[in-house]
Amino acid sequence: MSLTLHDVVRVLSPDEADLRQAAAALDSQAIPHLEALVRGPDPMLAAKAAYVAGLLEEAGGMAVVRTAATSPEKMVRVAAVTVAKNLPTDRSVPILQILLTDSDPECRRLAIEATPVQAISQLESELELLSLTDPYPALRESARRALAR
């Protein structure tokens, strides 16, 4: 049976949806629908879709998270950094590269905090740039601390 957008929305819609359980209930058929939701007009649903996409094992799920990382909605970008924090390093680095250069200081802060020690060398240029040029002294210091780990 084919999974529809309506099916995916139903899984994500409860206010207190267990997103890990939602991801377990979905498969690769959900990826185009999750992508559509991330690009859609509802930031709350888009954020949930981004998080669930990152939990899916299918490679297409990471493309959805990359889309979320560039969303005009801050809530959706925060969901992308939140899921990146829980991913293996090879999957989190491309997401963190985007979010370490985000225009919003809160997104940059979260991306710095989500950077695993194993990824420091891969994200060194982004962290170095933040440590030298971020307009917020606290973020410059956080980036320096991350580089020192």
Foldseek 3Di string as FASTA:
>chain_A
DQDDLVNLCVQQPDPPRPLLVSLVVDAPSCLVSLLCQLQDDDLSSNLSSLLSLLNYPDPSSLVSLQSQCPDPDPSSVVSSLVSLLVDPLVSNLVSLLSQCPDPDPVSVVSSLVSHDLVCCVVCVVSLCCQLPDPPDPVSVVSSVVSNVD
